[in-house]
Amino acid sequence: MSLFKKFDPKQDVSSSTAVKSSVQRGMRSKLLDQYQALASDDNALLEQIWPKKEQITLVKFSREHVQMLVYKSEPIFFQHFDGPYLPTLHLLHRYPFLLPKIQVDSGAIRFLLSGANIMSPGLTSAGGKLPDPSAGETPLEVGAPVAVMAQGKEEIVAVGIMKMSSEDIRKTGKGIGVDNIHYIGDDLWMACARGGI
């Protein structure tokens, strides 16, 4: 269910508003709750990504009920309906530790980069990776945002939302494991690559 497979950041905008400081405080607080990395060292990372004194623009899109936090024309986080704020891939490439990582095998890459959801077999095969509780890694629950790596690739290739828990994916090995929300080459990626919104 990629949100940005057919997405025109110029035409699909329904509103673009500078966010009042009182509303910004609420947004920053939600981001700090969601992402522990942003809150460490007295919110140093959030300050780096979006300095408190700087203006942020909230861009709402008519399609897909998506809104984005845009800083100096660069989308940094987006939200679908009332879901979690998700980092754009461009932001995630700069700060790859923001989200927990999973990995698909090489056979899943072309499907993933055409907008397909991630099927469980691509995560449980030899080239796939899920958190391993026996190695002290925290299992992922349904609804958790994840950074998707791909076997043999250095960069994060997609942002997804867990449709099943990592333990259920491991147990059943079938069905849609992860919703593919935003991936390299989709229209949001291309808009960011061209200089933003």
N, C-alpha and C. Protein backbone atom coordinates (compact mmCIF):
# COMPACT_ATOMS: atom_id res chain seq x y z
N MET A 1 0.84 -1.19 0.00
CA MET A 1 0.00 0.00 0.00
C MET A 1 0.88 1.25 0.00
N SER A 2 1.72 1.37 -1.00
CA SER A 2 2.60 2.54 -1.03
C SER A 2 1.77 3.81 -1.17
N LEU A 3 2.05 4.77 -0.32
CA LEU A 3 1.31 6.04 -0.36
C LEU A 3 1.75 6.92 -1.52
N PHE A 4 2.95 6.69 -2.02
CA PHE A 4 3.54 7.67 -2.94
C PHE A 4 3.87 7.09 -4.31
N LYS A 5 3.18 6.01 -4.69
CA LYS A 5 3.44 5.41 -6.00
C LYS A 5 2.95 6.34 -7.11
N LYS A 6 1.76 6.88 -6.94
CA LYS A 6 1.22 7.84 -7.91
C LYS A 6 0.82 9.07 -7.10
N PHE A 7 1.76 9.95 -6.95
CA PHE A 7 1.60 11.05 -6.01
C PHE A 7 2.25 12.28 -6.64
N ASP A 8 1.50 13.35 -6.79
CA ASP A 8 2.05 14.57 -7.37
C ASP A 8 2.11 15.65 -6.29
N PRO A 9 3.31 15.87 -5.72
CA PRO A 9 3.40 16.82 -4.61
C PRO A 9 2.95 18.23 -4.98
N LYS A 10 2.98 18.58 -6.26
CA LYS A 10 2.55 19.93 -6.65
C LYS A 10 1.03 19.99 -6.78
N GLN A 11 0.43 19.02 -7.47
CA GLN A 11 -1.01 19.07 -7.75
C GLN A 11 -1.88 18.56 -6.61
N ASP A 12 -1.34 17.65 -5.80
CA ASP A 12 -2.16 17.04 -4.76
C ASP A 12 -2.22 17.85 -3.46
N VAL A 13 -1.54 18.99 -3.42
CA VAL A 13 -1.55 19.81 -2.19
C VAL A 13 -2.92 20.42 -1.98
N SER A 14 -3.49 20.22 -0.78
CA SER A 14 -4.76 20.88 -0.48
C SER A 14 -4.54 22.12 0.39
N SER A 15 -3.48 22.11 1.21
CA SER A 15 -3.14 23.31 1.97
C SER A 15 -1.68 23.25 2.40
N SER A 16 -1.11 24.43 2.56
CA SER A 16 0.27 24.55 3.01
C SER A 16 0.32 25.72 3.98
N THR A 17 0.55 25.44 5.28
CA THR A 17 0.48 26.51 6.27
C THR A 17 1.69 26.49 7.18
N ALA A 18 2.14 27.69 7.52
CA ALA A 18 3.19 27.82 8.52
C ALA A 18 2.56 27.47 9.86
N VAL A 19 3.21 26.61 10.61
CA VAL A 19 2.62 26.10 11.84
C VAL A 19 2.91 27.04 13.01
N LYS A 20 1.84 27.37 13.75
CA LYS A 20 1.99 28.25 14.92
C LYS A 20 2.87 27.57 15.96
N SER A 21 3.56 28.36 16.76
CA SER A 21 4.51 27.78 17.72
C SER A 21 3.82 26.88 18.74
N SER A 22 2.58 27.18 19.11
CA SER A 22 1.87 26.32 20.08
C SER A 22 1.61 24.94 19.46
N VAL A 23 1.26 24.90 18.18
CA VAL A 23 1.01 23.63 17.48
C VAL A 23 2.35 22.90 17.27
N GLN A 24 3.40 23.67 16.96
CA GLN A 24 4.72 23.07 16.77
C GLN A 24 5.16 22.33 18.03
N ARG A 25 4.88 22.89 19.19
CA ARG A 25 5.26 22.24 20.45
C ARG A 25 4.64 20.85 20.55
N GLY A 26 3.35 20.76 20.19
CA GLY A 26 2.65 19.47 20.21
C GLY A 26 3.26 18.48 19.24
N MET A 27 3.62 18.96 18.04
CA MET A 27 4.23 18.09 17.03
C MET A 27 5.59 17.59 17.51
N ARG A 28 6.38 18.50 18.06
CA ARG A 28 7.72 18.13 18.55
C ARG A 28 7.59 17.11 19.69
N SER A 29 6.61 17.32 20.55
CA SER A 29 6.40 16.42 21.67
C SER A 29 6.02 15.01 21.16
N LYS A 30 5.17 14.96 20.13
CA LYS A 30 4.77 13.66 19.56
C LYS A 30 5.98 12.95 18.94
N LEU A 31 6.82 13.71 18.24
CA LEU A 31 8.02 13.12 17.64
C LEU A 31 8.96 12.59 18.72
N LEU A 32 9.12 13.34 19.80
CA LEU A 32 10.00 12.92 20.89
C LEU A 32 9.46 11.65 21.57
N ASP A 33 8.12 11.55 21.68
CA ASP A 33 7.51 10.34 22.25
C ASP A 33 7.75 9.13 21.35
N GLN A 34 7.65 9.35 20.06
CA GLN A 34 7.76 8.26 19.10
C GLN A 34 9.19 7.78 18.89
N TYR A 35 10.13 8.71 18.89
CA TYR A 35 11.51 8.39 18.54
C TYR A 35 12.45 8.74 19.68
N GLN A 36 12.86 7.72 20.43
CA GLN A 36 13.73 7.95 21.58
C GLN A 36 15.05 8.60 21.17
N ALA A 37 15.54 8.27 19.97
CA ALA A 37 16.82 8.84 19.51
C ALA A 37 16.74 10.37 19.43
N LEU A 38 15.55 10.88 19.09
CA LEU A 38 15.39 12.34 18.98
C LEU A 38 15.47 13.01 20.35
N ALA A 39 15.09 12.27 21.39
CA ALA A 39 15.00 12.85 22.73
C ALA A 39 16.31 12.78 23.51
N SER A 40 17.24 11.90 23.08
CA SER A 40 18.46 11.76 23.87
C SER A 40 19.31 13.04 23.79
N ASP A 41 20.20 13.19 24.76
CA ASP A 41 21.06 14.39 24.84
C ASP A 41 20.26 15.68 24.76
N ASP A 42 19.19 15.73 25.57
CA ASP A 42 18.40 16.96 25.64
C ASP A 42 17.83 17.38 24.27
N ASN A 43 17.30 16.40 23.54
CA ASN A 43 16.66 16.63 22.22
C ASN A 43 17.63 17.13 21.15
N ALA A 44 18.91 16.80 21.29
CA ALA A 44 19.94 17.33 20.38
C ALA A 44 19.66 16.96 18.92
N LEU A 45 19.23 15.73 18.68
CA LEU A 45 19.01 15.30 17.30
C LEU A 45 17.81 16.01 16.68
N LEU A 46 16.74 16.15 17.45
CA LEU A 46 15.58 16.88 16.92
C LEU A 46 15.98 18.32 16.61
N GLU A 47 16.80 18.91 17.46
CA GLU A 47 17.30 20.28 17.22
C GLU A 47 18.07 20.36 15.90
N GLN A 48 18.82 19.29 15.62
CA GLN A 48 19.62 19.25 14.39
C GLN A 48 18.71 19.15 13.16
N ILE A 49 17.68 18.28 13.26
CA ILE A 49 16.78 18.05 12.12
C ILE A 49 15.85 19.24 11.94
N TRP A 50 15.30 19.72 13.04
CA TRP A 50 14.32 20.81 13.00
C TRP A 50 14.56 21.70 14.23
N PRO A 51 15.42 22.73 14.08
CA PRO A 51 15.71 23.62 15.21
C PRO A 51 14.43 24.27 15.75
N LYS A 52 14.33 24.33 17.07
CA LYS A 52 13.11 24.80 17.75
C LYS A 52 12.68 26.19 17.29
N LYS A 53 13.64 27.05 17.05
CA LYS A 53 13.32 28.44 16.68
C LYS A 53 12.93 28.58 15.20
N GLU A 54 13.08 27.52 14.44
CA GLU A 54 12.84 27.59 12.99
C GLU A 54 11.38 27.26 12.66
N GLN A 55 10.92 27.85 11.58
CA GLN A 55 9.55 27.65 11.11
C GLN A 55 9.41 26.30 10.40
N ILE A 56 8.30 25.64 10.66
CA ILE A 56 7.99 24.40 9.94
C ILE A 56 6.67 24.62 9.19
N THR A 57 6.55 24.01 8.03
CA THR A 57 5.32 24.13 7.24
C THR A 57 4.60 22.78 7.26
N LEU A 58 3.30 22.85 7.48
CA LEU A 58 2.48 21.64 7.42
C LEU A 58 1.79 21.63 6.05
N VAL A 59 2.12 20.62 5.26
CA VAL A 59 1.53 20.50 3.93
C VAL A 59 0.56 19.33 3.95
N LYS A 60 -0.70 19.63 3.64
CA LYS A 60 -1.72 18.58 3.60
C LYS A 60 -2.02 18.26 2.13
N PHE A 61 -2.22 16.98 1.89
CA PHE A 61 -2.48 16.52 0.53
C PHE A 61 -3.89 15.97 0.44
N SER A 62 -4.54 16.25 -0.70
CA SER A 62 -5.93 15.85 -0.88
C SER A 62 -6.05 14.33 -1.02
N ARG A 63 -5.05 13.71 -1.61
CA ARG A 63 -5.09 12.25 -1.80
C ARG A 63 -4.49 11.53 -0.61
N GLU A 64 -5.04 10.41 -0.27
CA GLU A 64 -4.46 9.50 0.72
C GLU A 64 -4.43 10.03 2.16
N HIS A 65 -5.00 11.22 2.41
CA HIS A 65 -5.01 11.78 3.77
C HIS A 65 -3.60 11.83 4.37
N VAL A 66 -2.69 12.37 3.59
CA VAL A 66 -1.30 12.48 4.02
C VAL A 66 -1.01 13.93 4.38
N GLN A 67 -0.24 14.13 5.46
CA GLN A 67 0.30 15.45 5.73
C GLN A 67 1.78 15.32 6.01
N MET A 68 2.53 16.38 5.68
CA MET A 68 3.98 16.36 5.83
C MET A 68 4.46 17.55 6.61
N LEU A 69 5.51 17.31 7.40
CA LEU A 69 6.23 18.40 8.03
C LEU A 69 7.39 18.75 7.10
N VAL A 70 7.38 19.99 6.63
CA VAL A 70 8.36 20.42 5.64
C VAL A 70 9.23 21.52 6.25
N TYR A 71 10.53 21.28 6.25
CA TYR A 71 11.48 22.25 6.81
C TYR A 71 12.38 22.73 5.69
N LYS A 72 12.33 24.05 5.41
CA LYS A 72 13.13 24.65 4.31
C LYS A 72 12.93 23.87 3.01
N SER A 73 11.69 23.63 2.66
CA SER A 73 11.22 22.92 1.45
C SER A 73 11.54 21.42 1.42
N GLU A 74 12.17 20.88 2.47
CA GLU A 74 12.44 19.44 2.50
C GLU A 74 11.44 18.73 3.41
N PRO A 75 10.66 17.79 2.86
CA PRO A 75 9.79 16.98 3.72
C PRO A 75 10.67 16.17 4.67
N ILE A 76 10.39 16.24 5.98
CA ILE A 76 11.20 15.47 6.92
C ILE A 76 10.41 14.31 7.54
N PHE A 77 9.15 14.57 7.90
CA PHE A 77 8.28 13.51 8.42
C PHE A 77 6.94 13.60 7.72
N PHE A 78 6.26 12.46 7.59
CA PHE A 78 4.91 12.47 7.04
C PHE A 78 4.01 11.61 7.91
N GLN A 79 2.72 11.85 7.78
CA GLN A 79 1.74 11.14 8.60
C GLN A 79 0.56 10.76 7.71
N HIS A 80 0.05 9.54 7.89
CA HIS A 80 -1.11 9.06 7.15
C HIS A 80 -2.27 8.96 8.13
N PHE A 81 -3.38 9.68 7.85
CA PHE A 81 -4.48 9.81 8.81
C PHE A 81 -3.88 10.23 10.16
N ASP A 82 -4.22 9.49 11.24
CA ASP A 82 -3.68 9.83 12.56
C ASP A 82 -2.58 8.87 12.98
N GLY A 83 -1.96 8.23 12.00
CA GLY A 83 -0.91 7.26 12.30
C GLY A 83 0.35 7.93 12.84
N PRO A 84 1.40 7.15 13.01
CA PRO A 84 2.65 7.72 13.52
C PRO A 84 3.29 8.64 12.48
N TYR A 85 4.11 9.57 12.96
CA TYR A 85 4.95 10.34 12.04
C TYR A 85 6.04 9.40 11.54
N LEU A 86 6.24 9.36 10.24
CA LEU A 86 7.28 8.52 9.65
C LEU A 86 8.32 9.41 8.99
N PRO A 87 9.60 9.08 9.13
CA PRO A 87 10.63 9.87 8.46
C PRO A 87 10.64 9.59 6.96
N THR A 88 10.96 10.59 6.16
CA THR A 88 11.15 10.34 4.73
C THR A 88 12.45 9.55 4.57
N LEU A 89 12.60 8.88 3.44
CA LEU A 89 13.83 8.12 3.20
C LEU A 89 15.05 9.02 3.17
N HIS A 90 14.90 10.23 2.63
CA HIS A 90 16.05 11.14 2.59
C HIS A 90 16.53 11.45 4.01
N LEU A 91 15.60 11.66 4.93
CA LEU A 91 15.97 11.91 6.32
C LEU A 91 16.56 10.64 6.95
N LEU A 92 15.95 9.52 6.64
CA LEU A 92 16.41 8.24 7.20
C LEU A 92 17.81 7.87 6.72
N HIS A 93 18.15 8.26 5.51
CA HIS A 93 19.51 7.99 5.02
C HIS A 93 20.55 8.79 5.81
N ARG A 94 20.14 9.96 6.31
CA ARG A 94 21.07 10.75 7.14
C ARG A 94 21.11 10.22 8.58
N TYR A 95 19.97 9.71 9.06
CA TYR A 95 19.87 9.22 10.45
C TYR A 95 19.26 7.82 10.45
N PRO A 96 20.02 6.82 9.99
CA PRO A 96 19.45 5.48 9.79
C PRO A 96 19.03 4.76 11.07
N PHE A 97 19.43 5.28 12.21
CA PHE A 97 19.11 4.63 13.49
C PHE A 97 17.74 5.05 14.03
N LEU A 98 17.02 5.92 13.32
CA LEU A 98 15.71 6.38 13.81
C LEU A 98 14.70 5.24 13.94
N LEU A 99 14.75 4.29 13.00
CA LEU A 99 13.77 3.20 13.00
C LEU A 99 14.47 1.85 13.15
N PRO A 100 13.78 0.87 13.77
CA PRO A 100 14.33 -0.48 13.78
C PRO A 100 14.39 -1.02 12.36
N LYS A 101 15.35 -1.90 12.09
CA LYS A 101 15.56 -2.40 10.73
C LYS A 101 15.11 -3.85 10.58
N ILE A 102 14.58 -4.13 9.40
CA ILE A 102 14.34 -5.50 8.96
C ILE A 102 15.00 -5.61 7.59
N GLN A 103 15.14 -6.81 7.06
CA GLN A 103 15.77 -6.97 5.75
C GLN A 103 15.03 -7.97 4.90
N VAL A 104 14.85 -7.60 3.61
CA VAL A 104 14.26 -8.54 2.65
C VAL A 104 15.37 -9.23 1.87
N ASP A 105 15.06 -10.41 1.36
CA ASP A 105 16.06 -11.11 0.53
C ASP A 105 16.12 -10.47 -0.85
N SER A 106 17.16 -10.82 -1.59
CA SER A 106 17.39 -10.17 -2.90
C SER A 106 16.23 -10.40 -3.87
N GLY A 107 15.53 -11.52 -3.74
CA GLY A 107 14.40 -11.81 -4.63
C GLY A 107 13.22 -10.86 -4.46
N ALA A 108 13.13 -10.23 -3.30
CA ALA A 108 12.00 -9.33 -3.02
C ALA A 108 12.25 -7.89 -3.49
N ILE A 109 13.50 -7.57 -3.81
CA ILE A 109 13.86 -6.16 -4.07
C ILE A 109 13.05 -5.55 -5.21
N ARG A 110 12.97 -6.24 -6.35
CA ARG A 110 12.28 -5.61 -7.49
C ARG A 110 10.80 -5.39 -7.21
N PHE A 111 10.18 -6.28 -6.43
CA PHE A 111 8.76 -6.11 -6.08
C PHE A 111 8.61 -4.92 -5.12
N LEU A 112 9.50 -4.87 -4.15
CA LEU A 112 9.50 -3.78 -3.17
C LEU A 112 9.64 -2.42 -3.86
N LEU A 113 10.56 -2.34 -4.84
CA LEU A 113 10.81 -1.07 -5.53
C LEU A 113 9.79 -0.76 -6.62
N SER A 114 8.77 -1.62 -6.75
CA SER A 114 7.66 -1.28 -7.63
C SER A 114 6.41 -0.99 -6.80
N GLY A 115 6.59 -0.94 -5.46
CA GLY A 115 5.49 -0.55 -4.57
C GLY A 115 4.75 -1.68 -3.90
N ALA A 116 5.16 -2.93 -4.15
CA ALA A 116 4.47 -4.07 -3.54
C ALA A 116 4.73 -4.14 -2.04
N ASN A 117 3.76 -4.67 -1.31
CA ASN A 117 3.96 -4.92 0.11
C ASN A 117 4.97 -6.05 0.29
N ILE A 118 5.49 -6.18 1.50
CA ILE A 118 6.55 -7.15 1.76
C ILE A 118 5.92 -8.43 2.30
N MET A 119 6.12 -9.49 1.56
CA MET A 119 5.56 -10.78 1.95
C MET A 119 6.50 -11.46 2.96
N SER A 120 5.91 -12.21 3.86
CA SER A 120 6.68 -12.87 4.92
C SER A 120 7.84 -13.73 4.42
N PRO A 121 7.67 -14.51 3.31
CA PRO A 121 8.80 -15.35 2.87
C PRO A 121 10.07 -14.54 2.55
N GLY A 122 9.92 -13.30 2.10
CA GLY A 122 11.08 -12.45 1.80
C GLY A 122 11.84 -12.02 3.05
N LEU A 123 11.19 -12.18 4.22
CA LEU A 123 11.82 -11.80 5.50
C LEU A 123 12.35 -13.01 6.26
N THR A 124 11.82 -14.20 5.95
CA THR A 124 12.20 -15.40 6.70
C THR A 124 13.19 -16.28 5.96
N SER A 125 13.45 -15.98 4.67
CA SER A 125 14.41 -16.79 3.89
C SER A 125 15.84 -16.46 4.35
N ALA A 126 16.80 -17.13 3.74
CA ALA A 126 18.21 -16.95 4.15
C ALA A 126 18.68 -15.50 4.06
N GLY A 127 18.21 -14.75 3.06
CA GLY A 127 18.66 -13.36 2.90
C GLY A 127 17.86 -12.35 3.70
N GLY A 128 16.76 -12.78 4.31
CA GLY A 128 15.92 -11.88 5.09
C GLY A 128 16.39 -11.81 6.54
N LYS A 129 15.97 -10.74 7.23
CA LYS A 129 16.33 -10.61 8.64
C LYS A 129 15.21 -9.95 9.41
N LEU A 130 14.92 -10.54 10.57
CA LEU A 130 13.97 -9.98 11.53
C LEU A 130 14.70 -9.89 12.87
N PRO A 131 14.22 -9.05 13.80
CA PRO A 131 14.89 -9.01 15.11
C PRO A 131 14.92 -10.40 15.73
N ASP A 132 16.05 -10.73 16.34
CA ASP A 132 16.24 -12.05 16.94
C ASP A 132 16.24 -11.93 18.47
N PRO A 133 15.11 -12.29 19.11
CA PRO A 133 15.03 -12.18 20.57
C PRO A 133 16.13 -12.97 21.30
N SER A 134 16.58 -14.08 20.70
CA SER A 134 17.62 -14.88 21.36
C SER A 134 18.96 -14.14 21.37
N ALA A 135 19.09 -13.12 20.51
CA ALA A 135 20.31 -12.30 20.49
C ALA A 135 20.08 -10.99 21.25
N GLY A 136 18.96 -10.94 22.00
CA GLY A 136 18.68 -9.73 22.79
C GLY A 136 18.01 -8.62 22.01
N GLU A 137 17.57 -8.91 20.76
CA GLU A 137 16.90 -7.88 19.96
C GLU A 137 15.40 -7.86 20.28
N THR A 138 14.82 -6.68 20.26
CA THR A 138 13.41 -6.53 20.63
C THR A 138 12.51 -6.91 19.46
N PRO A 139 11.56 -7.83 19.69
CA PRO A 139 10.61 -8.18 18.62
C PRO A 139 9.78 -6.96 18.23
N LEU A 140 9.28 -6.96 17.01
CA LEU A 140 8.47 -5.85 16.51
C LEU A 140 6.99 -6.23 16.56
N GLU A 141 6.18 -5.28 17.00
CA GLU A 141 4.74 -5.53 17.11
C GLU A 141 4.02 -5.02 15.86
N VAL A 142 2.77 -5.44 15.69
CA VAL A 142 1.91 -4.94 14.61
C VAL A 142 1.82 -3.42 14.75
N GLY A 143 1.96 -2.71 13.62
CA GLY A 143 1.85 -1.24 13.63
C GLY A 143 3.16 -0.52 13.84
N ALA A 144 4.24 -1.26 14.14
CA ALA A 144 5.54 -0.61 14.36
C ALA A 144 6.12 -0.13 13.03
N PRO A 145 6.60 1.13 12.97
CA PRO A 145 7.28 1.61 11.77
C PRO A 145 8.67 0.96 11.68
N VAL A 146 9.10 0.62 10.47
CA VAL A 146 10.41 -0.01 10.28
C VAL A 146 11.14 0.56 9.06
N ALA A 147 12.47 0.51 9.15
CA ALA A 147 13.32 0.81 7.99
C ALA A 147 13.60 -0.54 7.31
N VAL A 148 13.41 -0.58 6.00
CA VAL A 148 13.58 -1.84 5.27
C VAL A 148 14.91 -1.82 4.52
N MET A 149 15.76 -2.76 4.90
CA MET A 149 17.03 -2.98 4.21
C MET A 149 16.80 -4.07 3.16
N ALA A 150 17.76 -4.20 2.23
CA ALA A 150 17.66 -5.27 1.23
C ALA A 150 19.00 -5.99 1.17
N GLN A 151 18.92 -7.30 1.03
CA GLN A 151 20.13 -8.13 0.97
C GLN A 151 21.09 -7.58 -0.08
N GLY A 152 22.33 -7.34 0.32
CA GLY A 152 23.36 -6.87 -0.63
C GLY A 152 23.35 -5.37 -0.87
N LYS A 153 22.45 -4.63 -0.25
CA LYS A 153 22.38 -3.17 -0.46
C LYS A 153 22.81 -2.46 0.82
N GLU A 154 23.46 -1.30 0.66
CA GLU A 154 23.96 -0.54 1.81
C GLU A 154 22.88 0.33 2.44
N GLU A 155 22.08 0.99 1.58
CA GLU A 155 21.12 1.99 2.05
C GLU A 155 19.77 1.37 2.39
N ILE A 156 19.04 2.06 3.25
CA ILE A 156 17.65 1.69 3.52
C ILE A 156 16.86 1.90 2.23
N VAL A 157 16.03 0.94 1.85
CA VAL A 157 15.31 1.04 0.58
C VAL A 157 13.84 1.42 0.73
N ALA A 158 13.29 1.28 1.95
CA ALA A 158 11.87 1.59 2.12
C ALA A 158 11.55 1.86 3.59
N VAL A 159 10.40 2.49 3.79
CA VAL A 159 9.82 2.68 5.12
C VAL A 159 8.53 1.87 5.12
N GLY A 160 8.35 1.05 6.16
CA GLY A 160 7.16 0.21 6.20
C GLY A 160 6.50 0.23 7.57
N ILE A 161 5.33 -0.38 7.62
CA ILE A 161 4.59 -0.57 8.88
C ILE A 161 4.32 -2.07 9.02
N MET A 162 4.66 -2.61 10.17
CA MET A 162 4.46 -4.05 10.40
C MET A 162 2.97 -4.39 10.34
N LYS A 163 2.61 -5.34 9.48
CA LYS A 163 1.22 -5.84 9.39
C LYS A 163 1.02 -7.03 10.32
N MET A 164 2.13 -7.72 10.60
CA MET A 164 2.14 -8.85 11.53
C MET A 164 3.30 -8.60 12.48
N SER A 165 3.28 -9.22 13.65
CA SER A 165 4.44 -9.08 14.53
C SER A 165 5.60 -9.87 13.94
N SER A 166 6.82 -9.50 14.29
CA SER A 166 7.98 -10.21 13.74
C SER A 166 7.96 -11.68 14.16
N GLU A 167 7.45 -11.95 15.36
CA GLU A 167 7.38 -13.34 15.82
C GLU A 167 6.36 -14.14 15.02
N ASP A 168 5.23 -13.52 14.67
CA ASP A 168 4.22 -14.21 13.85
C ASP A 168 4.74 -14.44 12.43
N ILE A 169 5.47 -13.48 11.90
CA ILE A 169 6.06 -13.65 10.56
C ILE A 169 7.00 -14.86 10.59
N ARG A 170 7.81 -14.91 11.64
CA ARG A 170 8.77 -16.02 11.78
C ARG A 170 8.04 -17.37 11.90
N LYS A 171 6.93 -17.38 12.67
CA LYS A 171 6.18 -18.63 12.90
C LYS A 171 5.45 -19.09 11.65
N THR A 172 4.70 -18.16 11.00
CA THR A 172 3.84 -18.58 9.89
C THR A 172 4.58 -18.61 8.56
N GLY A 173 5.47 -17.63 8.34
CA GLY A 173 6.23 -17.58 7.08
C GLY A 173 5.39 -17.30 5.86
N LYS A 174 4.15 -16.80 6.06
CA LYS A 174 3.34 -16.47 4.88
C LYS A 174 2.46 -15.25 5.15
N GLY A 175 1.92 -14.69 4.06
CA GLY A 175 1.06 -13.50 4.17
C GLY A 175 1.88 -12.22 4.08
N ILE A 176 1.15 -11.09 4.10
CA ILE A 176 1.81 -9.78 4.04
C ILE A 176 2.40 -9.49 5.41
N GLY A 177 3.71 -9.33 5.45
CA GLY A 177 4.39 -9.05 6.71
C GLY A 177 4.46 -7.57 7.03
N VAL A 178 4.69 -6.77 5.97
CA VAL A 178 4.93 -5.34 6.17
C VAL A 178 4.27 -4.55 5.04
N ASP A 179 3.56 -3.48 5.42
CA ASP A 179 3.04 -2.54 4.42
C ASP A 179 4.20 -1.68 3.93
N ASN A 180 4.38 -1.64 2.62
CA ASN A 180 5.43 -0.80 2.01
C ASN A 180 4.83 0.60 1.82
N ILE A 181 5.25 1.55 2.65
CA ILE A 181 4.63 2.87 2.65
C ILE A 181 5.36 3.86 1.71
N HIS A 182 6.69 3.81 1.71
CA HIS A 182 7.50 4.81 0.98
C HIS A 182 8.81 4.12 0.60
N TYR A 183 9.16 4.15 -0.70
CA TYR A 183 10.33 3.40 -1.15
C TYR A 183 11.16 4.23 -2.13
N ILE A 184 12.41 3.82 -2.31
CA ILE A 184 13.31 4.51 -3.24
C ILE A 184 12.70 4.47 -4.64
N GLY A 185 12.59 5.64 -5.26
CA GLY A 185 12.05 5.73 -6.61
C GLY A 185 10.59 6.12 -6.66
N ASP A 186 9.87 6.14 -5.51
CA ASP A 186 8.47 6.57 -5.56
C ASP A 186 8.41 8.09 -5.72
N ASP A 187 7.20 8.62 -5.84
CA ASP A 187 7.07 10.05 -6.17
C ASP A 187 7.54 10.99 -5.05
N LEU A 188 7.45 10.56 -3.79
CA LEU A 188 7.99 11.39 -2.70
C LEU A 188 9.51 11.39 -2.76
N TRP A 189 10.10 10.24 -3.02
CA TRP A 189 11.56 10.14 -3.16
C TRP A 189 12.03 11.06 -4.29
N MET A 190 11.32 11.01 -5.41
CA MET A 190 11.71 11.82 -6.58
C MET A 190 11.56 13.32 -6.27
N ALA A 191 10.49 13.70 -5.58
CA ALA A 191 10.29 15.11 -5.23
C ALA A 191 11.41 15.60 -4.33
N CYS A 192 11.81 14.79 -3.34
CA CYS A 192 12.92 15.17 -2.45
C CYS A 192 14.23 15.28 -3.23
N ALA A 193 14.42 14.35 -4.16
CA ALA A 193 15.66 14.34 -4.98
C ALA A 193 15.73 15.59 -5.86
N ARG A 194 14.57 16.09 -6.27
CA ARG A 194 14.53 17.31 -7.12
C ARG A 194 14.63 18.59 -6.30
N GLY A 195 14.72 18.47 -4.99
CA GLY A 195 14.88 19.69 -4.18
C GLY A 195 13.74 19.98 -3.24
N GLY A 196 12.78 19.07 -3.13
CA GLY A 196 11.74 19.24 -2.12
C GLY A 196 10.40 19.71 -2.65
N ILE A 197 9.57 20.15 -1.72
CA ILE A 197 8.19 20.52 -2.05
C ILE A 197 8.02 22.01 -1.89
